[in-house]
Amino acid sequence: MKNKRKYSLQTLLVAIILVIALVGCSSQSNNSTPSPTASAEAPTTEAPASQDDTQYPIVIKHALGETVIESKPERVVTVQWANHDVALALGVVPVGFSAANYGVQDDSGLLPWTAAKLKELNESEPNIFQDTDGLDFEAISDANPDVILAAYSGITQEDYDTLSQIAPVVAYQSKPWATTWREQVLFTAEGMGMKAEGEQLIKDTEALVKEGAAKYPQMQGKKVVWVNFSATDMSKLHLYTPADPRGAFLIELGMEYPESITSQITDPTSYSLQLSAENAEALNDADIIIGYGDESLYEAVKADSLLGKIPAIQRGSVVFIGNGTPLAASGNPNPLSIAFTLDEYLALIGGAIDKLNE
């Protein structure tokens, strides 16, 4: 009996020593630097939703028909105004896109924010369509697209039908040139199978706009109208309505169109409104006026017997944006142009509003 107890104690001691040894080895292993193999196999945080999560086919209804995208587009083409900027903002370089035909300061066909984003994405030789006189269907076809994006454009039904023979086409939702920047992002992103990324881009851009507008609290509630005057014909005025991206963006900044203007808009989806100079008093309620032009145009308008009576013109609470400049081109906003020009634009608007108190 005594020998059995001795044997049991010895066995127990051996077991205790073995457990201590195993615990020590485990502790050393947990505190050691992971090997490359272990690191590669380690779990990672969940990635945000991506185009790989998209369910196909995608069906997109728009003003010119219904587009069905059967599978993830690998080769993206955009036509007309700035649709390529949205694709670029989402990290996708189109295999072909239309040259910017306004605001470009050289022969590149690229606005500065487009050029900067292409450089960031390491694209030095983009395929640019020269289609000022109409869509270059041959060049578009040669780009071999899987999808053609035209969410902000003026393509006709005939254009759409021809393009659709090349690849599925995503056109505008309601009317030509009346797509807001949000709609442009959503339609473009959905056409690329990147709806989730598009929604995030909208949130990021909204935050940027909100942050910028907060620096100019004097803008809130001010009456604004986008008016284009002509130095060669002062008898007519061309206005962009709140349905136009330019007007819509002013409202987003916290301003509003006066009722004297909105009451004359018979088609709420129309992006423009024509007024006779005899009806210029409709602009009397505008705190500020924004339009394309320069100081010489402003002086000509101020000297006009009818237009010169508009209070905003008299006090100089106007923002005339140099015609053909990048800032003028950014009046049709998209995420890239907003980020590039917002500070300059807000400073001009803030300066015009300050003249209300002079």
Protein backbone atom coordinates (compact mmCIF):
# COMPACT_ATOMS: atom_id res chain seq x y z
CA MET A 1 0.00 0.00 0.00
CA LYS A 2 2.82 2.39 0.83
CA ASN A 3 4.59 1.62 -2.46
CA LYS A 4 1.39 2.25 -4.38
CA ARG A 5 1.01 5.72 -2.77
CA LYS A 6 4.63 6.51 -3.61
CA TYR A 7 4.06 5.50 -7.22
CA SER A 8 0.94 7.63 -7.45
CA LEU A 9 2.76 10.68 -6.09
CA GLN A 10 5.54 10.23 -8.60
CA THR A 11 3.03 9.96 -11.42
CA LEU A 12 1.26 13.10 -10.26
CA LEU A 13 4.51 15.06 -10.11
CA VAL A 14 5.42 14.02 -13.65
CA ALA A 15 1.99 15.07 -14.88
CA ILE A 16 2.29 18.49 -13.20
CA ILE A 17 5.73 19.07 -14.68
CA LEU A 18 4.44 18.12 -18.17
CA VAL A 19 1.50 20.55 -17.92
CA ILE A 20 3.82 23.39 -16.83
CA ALA A 21 6.11 22.68 -19.77
CA LEU A 22 3.23 22.71 -22.25
CA VAL A 23 1.87 26.00 -20.86
CA GLY A 24 5.32 27.58 -21.19
CA CYS A 25 5.63 26.47 -24.82
CA SER A 26 2.16 27.82 -25.60
CA SER A 27 3.00 31.20 -24.01
CA GLN A 28 6.23 31.51 -26.01
CA SER A 29 4.38 30.66 -29.22
CA ASN A 30 1.67 33.31 -28.61
CA ASN A 31 4.23 36.03 -27.90
CA SER A 32 6.44 35.34 -30.89
CA THR A 33 6.39 37.35 -34.15
CA PRO A 34 3.99 35.76 -36.69
CA SER A 35 5.58 34.19 -39.73
CA PRO A 36 4.64 35.53 -43.18
CA THR A 37 2.44 32.48 -43.72
CA ALA A 38 0.56 33.01 -40.49
CA SER A 39 0.04 36.69 -41.30
CA ALA A 40 -1.38 35.94 -44.74
CA GLU A 41 -3.87 33.53 -43.25
CA ALA A 42 -5.00 35.85 -40.48
CA PRO A 43 -8.64 37.02 -40.68
CA THR A 44 -9.23 40.57 -41.97
CA THR A 45 -12.01 43.06 -41.34
CA GLU A 46 -14.98 42.82 -43.66
CA ALA A 47 -14.56 44.88 -46.82
CA PRO A 48 -17.30 47.31 -47.91
CA ALA A 49 -19.82 46.13 -50.46
CA SER A 50 -18.33 46.06 -53.94
CA GLN A 51 -19.36 45.42 -57.51
CA ASP A 52 -18.70 41.71 -56.87
CA ASP A 53 -21.81 41.72 -54.63
CA THR A 54 -24.02 42.97 -57.46
CA GLN A 55 -26.73 40.64 -58.67
CA TYR A 56 -27.08 40.32 -62.43
CA PRO A 57 -28.79 40.99 -64.71
CA ILE A 58 -29.10 44.70 -63.85
CA VAL A 59 -32.17 46.39 -65.35
CA ILE A 60 -32.06 50.19 -65.60
CA LYS A 61 -35.08 52.15 -66.81
CA HIS A 62 -34.45 55.60 -68.26
CA ALA A 63 -35.99 58.19 -70.57
CA LEU A 64 -34.98 56.41 -73.78
CA GLY A 65 -35.82 52.84 -72.85
CA GLU A 66 -34.74 49.99 -70.63
CA THR A 67 -31.17 48.74 -70.40
CA VAL A 68 -30.23 45.24 -69.33
CA ILE A 69 -26.66 44.55 -68.22
CA GLU A 70 -26.13 40.80 -68.12
CA SER A 71 -22.76 40.68 -66.36
CA LYS A 72 -20.15 42.87 -64.72
CA PRO A 73 -18.84 45.41 -67.29
CA GLU A 74 -15.07 45.27 -67.68
CA ARG A 75 -14.76 47.88 -70.44
CA VAL A 76 -16.57 51.13 -69.72
CA VAL A 77 -17.15 53.92 -72.26
CA THR A 78 -18.74 57.28 -71.45
CA VAL A 79 -20.07 59.92 -73.84
CA GLN A 80 -20.81 63.62 -73.64
CA TRP A 81 -20.45 65.70 -70.49
CA ALA A 82 -18.46 64.55 -67.44
CA ASN A 83 -19.80 61.01 -67.13
CA HIS A 84 -16.17 59.88 -67.22
CA ASP A 85 -15.47 62.00 -64.14
CA VAL A 86 -17.91 59.90 -62.13
CA ALA A 87 -16.30 56.67 -63.33
CA LEU A 88 -12.88 58.07 -62.44
CA ALA A 89 -14.11 59.16 -59.00
CA LEU A 90 -15.11 55.53 -58.48
CA GLY A 91 -11.61 54.40 -59.45
CA VAL A 92 -12.48 53.17 -62.96
CA VAL A 93 -10.65 54.51 -66.02
CA PRO A 94 -12.97 54.35 -69.04
CA VAL A 95 -11.54 52.71 -72.16
CA GLY A 96 -12.91 55.73 -74.03
CA PHE A 97 -14.67 58.99 -73.20
CA SER A 98 -15.68 62.30 -74.78
CA ALA A 99 -13.34 65.26 -74.68
CA ALA A 100 -14.49 68.18 -72.56
CA ASN A 101 -15.64 70.84 -75.00
CA TYR A 102 -15.83 73.73 -72.54
CA GLY A 103 -13.48 75.14 -69.93
CA VAL A 104 -10.35 73.38 -71.19
CA GLN A 105 -7.29 75.62 -71.23
CA ASP A 106 -5.16 73.53 -73.63
CA ASP A 107 -5.62 70.98 -76.40
CA SER A 108 -5.81 67.96 -74.07
CA GLY A 109 -9.59 67.72 -73.95
CA LEU A 110 -9.25 67.35 -70.18
CA LEU A 111 -10.46 69.60 -67.41
CA PRO A 112 -7.94 69.96 -64.57
CA TRP A 113 -9.76 67.68 -62.11
CA THR A 114 -10.01 64.98 -64.79
CA ALA A 115 -6.31 65.25 -65.58
CA ALA A 116 -5.42 65.09 -61.89
CA LYS A 117 -7.52 61.97 -61.32
CA LEU A 118 -6.11 60.24 -64.41
CA LYS A 119 -2.61 60.90 -63.08
CA GLU A 120 -3.60 59.52 -59.68
CA LEU A 121 -4.88 56.37 -61.39
CA ASN A 122 -1.66 56.07 -63.46
CA GLU A 123 -3.37 56.59 -66.82
CA SER A 124 -1.13 58.68 -69.08
CA GLU A 125 -2.74 57.97 -72.47
CA PRO A 126 -6.53 58.01 -72.17
CA ASN A 127 -8.65 57.24 -75.23
CA ILE A 128 -10.52 60.50 -75.85
CA PHE A 129 -13.31 60.91 -78.40
CA GLN A 130 -13.44 64.17 -80.34
CA ASP A 131 -17.19 64.39 -80.80
CA THR A 132 -18.00 68.11 -80.74
CA ASP A 133 -19.85 67.76 -84.05
CA GLY A 134 -21.68 64.61 -82.99
CA LEU A 135 -20.92 61.26 -81.43
CA ASP A 136 -18.03 59.39 -83.02
CA PHE A 137 -19.78 56.04 -83.32
CA GLU A 138 -16.80 54.42 -85.02
CA ALA A 139 -14.39 55.40 -82.23
CA ILE A 140 -16.89 54.28 -79.62
CA SER A 141 -17.26 50.91 -81.33
CA ASP A 142 -13.50 50.53 -81.67
CA ALA A 143 -13.18 50.90 -77.88
CA ASN A 144 -15.12 47.61 -77.63
CA PRO A 145 -17.21 48.65 -74.60
CA ASP A 146 -19.28 46.39 -72.37
CA VAL A 147 -21.42 49.36 -71.37
CA ILE A 148 -21.87 52.97 -72.55
CA LEU A 149 -22.69 55.56 -69.89
CA ALA A 150 -24.58 58.75 -70.77
CA ALA A 151 -26.46 59.62 -67.57
CA TYR A 152 -25.78 63.34 -68.05
CA SER A 153 -26.13 63.97 -71.75
CA GLY A 154 -28.35 65.15 -74.57
CA ILE A 155 -28.28 62.03 -76.72
CA THR A 156 -31.32 61.57 -78.92
CA GLN A 157 -33.41 58.45 -79.38
CA GLU A 158 -31.59 57.90 -82.67
CA ASP A 159 -28.23 58.20 -80.90
CA TYR A 160 -29.40 55.76 -78.25
CA ASP A 161 -30.60 53.23 -80.80
CA THR A 162 -27.29 53.40 -82.68
CA LEU A 163 -25.20 53.14 -79.51
CA SER A 164 -27.31 50.21 -78.31
CA GLN A 165 -26.10 48.22 -81.31
CA ILE A 166 -22.58 48.58 -79.85
CA ALA A 167 -23.27 47.93 -76.15
CA PRO A 168 -25.94 48.48 -73.47
CA VAL A 169 -26.49 52.21 -72.92
CA VAL A 170 -27.42 53.99 -69.68
CA ALA A 171 -29.13 57.26 -70.62
CA TYR A 172 -30.65 60.09 -68.55
CA GLN A 173 -33.65 59.47 -66.33
CA SER A 174 -36.06 62.20 -67.41
CA LYS A 175 -34.90 64.83 -69.91
CA PRO A 176 -31.66 65.80 -71.70
CA TRP A 177 -29.23 67.80 -69.56
CA ALA A 178 -31.52 67.72 -66.50
CA THR A 179 -29.66 65.12 -64.45
CA THR A 180 -28.54 66.15 -60.98
CA TRP A 181 -25.05 65.19 -59.88
CA ARG A 182 -26.53 62.60 -57.51
CA GLU A 183 -28.53 60.98 -60.29
CA GLN A 184 -25.46 61.06 -62.49
CA VAL A 185 -23.47 59.21 -59.85
CA LEU A 186 -26.20 56.67 -59.15
CA PHE A 187 -26.92 55.84 -62.80
CA THR A 188 -23.24 55.69 -63.72
CA ALA A 189 -22.35 53.56 -60.71
CA GLU A 190 -25.27 51.20 -61.26
CA GLY A 191 -24.31 50.84 -64.91
CA MET A 192 -20.86 49.68 -63.80
CA GLY A 193 -22.22 47.29 -61.17
CA MET A 194 -20.97 49.60 -58.40
CA LYS A 195 -24.17 50.87 -56.80
CA ALA A 196 -22.84 50.59 -53.24
CA GLU A 197 -19.68 52.51 -54.13
CA GLY A 198 -21.79 55.16 -55.85
CA GLU A 199 -23.93 55.64 -52.77
CA GLN A 200 -20.79 56.05 -50.67
CA LEU A 201 -19.38 58.59 -53.14
CA ILE A 202 -22.57 60.61 -52.79
CA LYS A 203 -22.28 60.57 -49.00
CA ASP A 204 -18.64 61.66 -49.14
CA THR A 205 -19.42 64.48 -51.57
CA GLU A 206 -22.40 65.65 -49.52
CA ALA A 207 -20.16 65.84 -46.46
CA LEU A 208 -17.64 67.93 -48.40
CA VAL A 209 -20.35 70.33 -49.60
CA LYS A 210 -21.84 70.63 -46.12
CA GLU A 211 -18.45 71.39 -44.63
CA GLY A 212 -17.76 74.08 -47.23
CA ALA A 213 -21.19 75.71 -46.95
CA ALA A 214 -20.86 75.89 -43.17
CA LYS A 215 -18.08 78.45 -43.66
CA TYR A 216 -20.56 80.85 -45.30
CA PRO A 217 -23.66 80.94 -43.08
CA GLN A 218 -24.73 84.16 -44.82
CA MET A 219 -25.77 82.05 -47.82
CA GLN A 220 -28.60 80.34 -46.01
CA GLY A 221 -32.02 81.36 -47.29
CA LYS A 222 -30.72 83.93 -49.75
CA LYS A 223 -32.60 84.33 -53.04
CA VAL A 224 -30.47 83.42 -56.05
CA VAL A 225 -30.97 83.11 -59.80
CA TRP A 226 -28.56 81.81 -62.43
CA VAL A 227 -28.93 84.23 -65.36
CA ASN A 228 -26.97 84.37 -68.60
CA PHE A 229 -26.85 87.80 -70.22
CA SER A 230 -25.71 88.46 -73.78
CA ALA A 231 -23.65 91.52 -74.61
CA THR A 232 -24.93 91.35 -78.20
CA ASP A 233 -28.61 90.98 -77.35
CA MET A 234 -29.89 92.58 -74.17
CA SER A 235 -33.52 91.97 -75.14
CA LYS A 236 -33.54 88.39 -73.81
CA LEU A 237 -32.43 86.60 -70.67
CA HIS A 238 -31.54 82.92 -70.38
CA LEU A 239 -32.04 81.35 -66.94
CA TYR A 240 -31.10 77.94 -65.57
CA THR A 241 -33.93 76.58 -63.46
CA PRO A 242 -33.72 74.54 -60.24
CA ALA A 243 -34.08 71.43 -62.45
CA ASP A 244 -30.69 72.19 -64.00
CA PRO A 245 -27.65 70.89 -62.07
CA ARG A 246 -26.33 74.45 -61.76
CA GLY A 247 -29.53 75.69 -60.13
CA ALA A 248 -29.96 72.55 -58.06
CA PHE A 249 -26.46 72.93 -56.62
CA LEU A 250 -27.18 76.50 -55.50
CA ILE A 251 -30.19 75.20 -53.60
CA GLU A 252 -28.03 72.48 -52.08
CA LEU A 253 -25.72 75.19 -50.76
CA GLY A 254 -28.66 76.64 -48.81
CA MET A 255 -30.02 79.26 -51.18
CA GLU A 256 -33.37 79.32 -52.99
CA TYR A 257 -34.94 80.64 -56.16
CA PRO A 258 -37.40 83.53 -55.65
CA GLU A 259 -41.10 82.81 -56.20
CA SER A 260 -41.15 85.50 -58.89
CA ILE A 261 -39.05 83.13 -61.02
CA THR A 262 -40.38 79.72 -60.01
CA SER A 263 -43.95 80.85 -60.71
CA GLN A 264 -43.01 81.31 -64.36
CA ILE A 265 -41.66 77.78 -64.80
CA THR A 266 -44.43 75.85 -66.54
CA ASP A 267 -42.43 72.63 -66.93
CA PRO A 268 -40.72 71.67 -63.65
CA THR A 269 -38.42 69.25 -65.51
CA SER A 270 -37.11 71.88 -67.93
CA TYR A 271 -33.54 73.01 -67.26
CA SER A 272 -33.92 76.53 -68.71
CA LEU A 273 -36.25 79.49 -68.93
CA GLN A 274 -36.29 82.41 -71.35
CA LEU A 275 -37.36 85.85 -70.24
CA SER A 276 -37.80 89.07 -72.13
CA ALA A 277 -35.92 92.10 -70.82
CA GLU A 278 -39.34 93.73 -70.43
CA ASN A 279 -39.99 91.16 -67.70
CA ALA A 280 -36.67 91.71 -65.93
CA GLU A 281 -38.52 92.85 -62.80
CA ALA A 282 -38.95 89.12 -62.06
CA LEU A 283 -35.32 89.30 -60.93
CA ASN A 284 -35.92 92.11 -58.46
CA ASP A 285 -36.30 89.69 -55.55
CA ALA A 286 -32.93 88.05 -56.19
CA ASP A 287 -30.37 88.77 -53.49
CA ILE A 288 -27.61 87.66 -55.84
CA ILE A 289 -27.32 86.75 -59.50
CA ILE A 290 -24.89 84.19 -60.87
CA GLY A 291 -24.00 83.75 -64.53
CA TYR A 292 -21.29 83.36 -67.12
CA GLY A 293 -19.42 86.52 -68.07
CA ASP A 294 -16.78 89.05 -67.09
CA GLU A 295 -16.48 92.60 -65.84
CA SER A 296 -17.14 94.13 -69.28
CA LEU A 297 -20.40 92.20 -69.57
CA TYR A 298 -21.41 93.30 -66.10
CA GLU A 299 -20.78 96.94 -66.99
CA ALA A 300 -22.83 96.55 -70.18
CA VAL A 301 -25.75 95.02 -68.26
CA LYS A 302 -25.50 97.73 -65.62
CA ALA A 303 -25.69 100.41 -68.31
CA ASP A 304 -28.76 98.89 -69.98
CA SER A 305 -31.94 100.92 -69.49
CA LEU A 306 -33.97 97.89 -68.37
CA LEU A 307 -31.51 95.37 -66.96
CA GLY A 308 -29.61 98.05 -65.09
CA LYS A 309 -32.65 98.57 -62.84
CA ILE A 310 -32.38 95.07 -61.34
CA PRO A 311 -31.37 95.66 -57.67
CA ALA A 312 -28.72 92.93 -57.63
CA ILE A 313 -27.12 94.48 -60.73
CA GLN A 314 -27.20 97.95 -59.20
CA ARG A 315 -25.50 96.97 -55.96
CA GLY A 316 -23.06 94.56 -57.61
CA SER A 317 -24.18 91.43 -55.74
CA VAL A 318 -23.39 89.29 -58.75
CA VAL A 319 -21.03 86.44 -59.53
CA PHE A 320 -19.94 86.55 -63.15
CA ILE A 321 -17.84 83.49 -63.82
CA GLY A 322 -15.29 83.84 -66.59
CA ASN A 323 -16.69 82.17 -69.68
CA GLY A 324 -14.71 79.16 -70.84
CA THR A 325 -12.80 78.74 -67.58
CA PRO A 326 -12.58 75.56 -65.49
CA LEU A 327 -14.72 77.22 -62.80
CA ALA A 328 -17.39 77.91 -65.41
CA ALA A 329 -17.25 74.28 -66.49
CA SER A 330 -17.70 73.15 -62.89
CA GLY A 331 -21.10 74.84 -62.82
CA ASN A 332 -22.37 71.45 -63.99
CA PRO A 333 -21.10 69.71 -60.86
CA ASN A 334 -19.88 66.20 -60.28
CA PRO A 335 -17.83 64.79 -57.39
CA LEU A 336 -14.46 65.57 -59.01
CA SER A 337 -15.30 69.13 -60.05
CA ILE A 338 -16.96 69.90 -56.71
CA ALA A 339 -13.87 68.85 -54.78
CA PHE A 340 -11.61 70.84 -57.12
CA THR A 341 -13.53 74.16 -57.25
CA LEU A 342 -15.82 74.35 -54.21
CA ASP A 343 -13.66 76.71 -52.15
CA GLU A 344 -13.24 79.17 -55.02
CA TYR A 345 -16.94 79.09 -55.88
CA LEU A 346 -18.07 79.64 -52.29
CA ALA A 347 -15.68 82.56 -51.84
CA LEU A 348 -17.21 84.32 -54.88
CA ILE A 349 -20.76 83.71 -53.67
CA GLY A 350 -19.91 84.84 -50.16
CA GLY A 351 -18.38 88.04 -51.55
CA ALA A 352 -21.52 88.80 -53.58
CA ILE A 353 -23.78 88.28 -50.58
CA ASP A 354 -21.64 90.55 -48.45
CA LYS A 355 -22.51 93.41 -50.82
CA LEU A 356 -26.09 93.23 -49.59
CA ASN A 357 -24.93 94.98 -46.42
CA GLU A 358 -22.67 97.58 -47.99
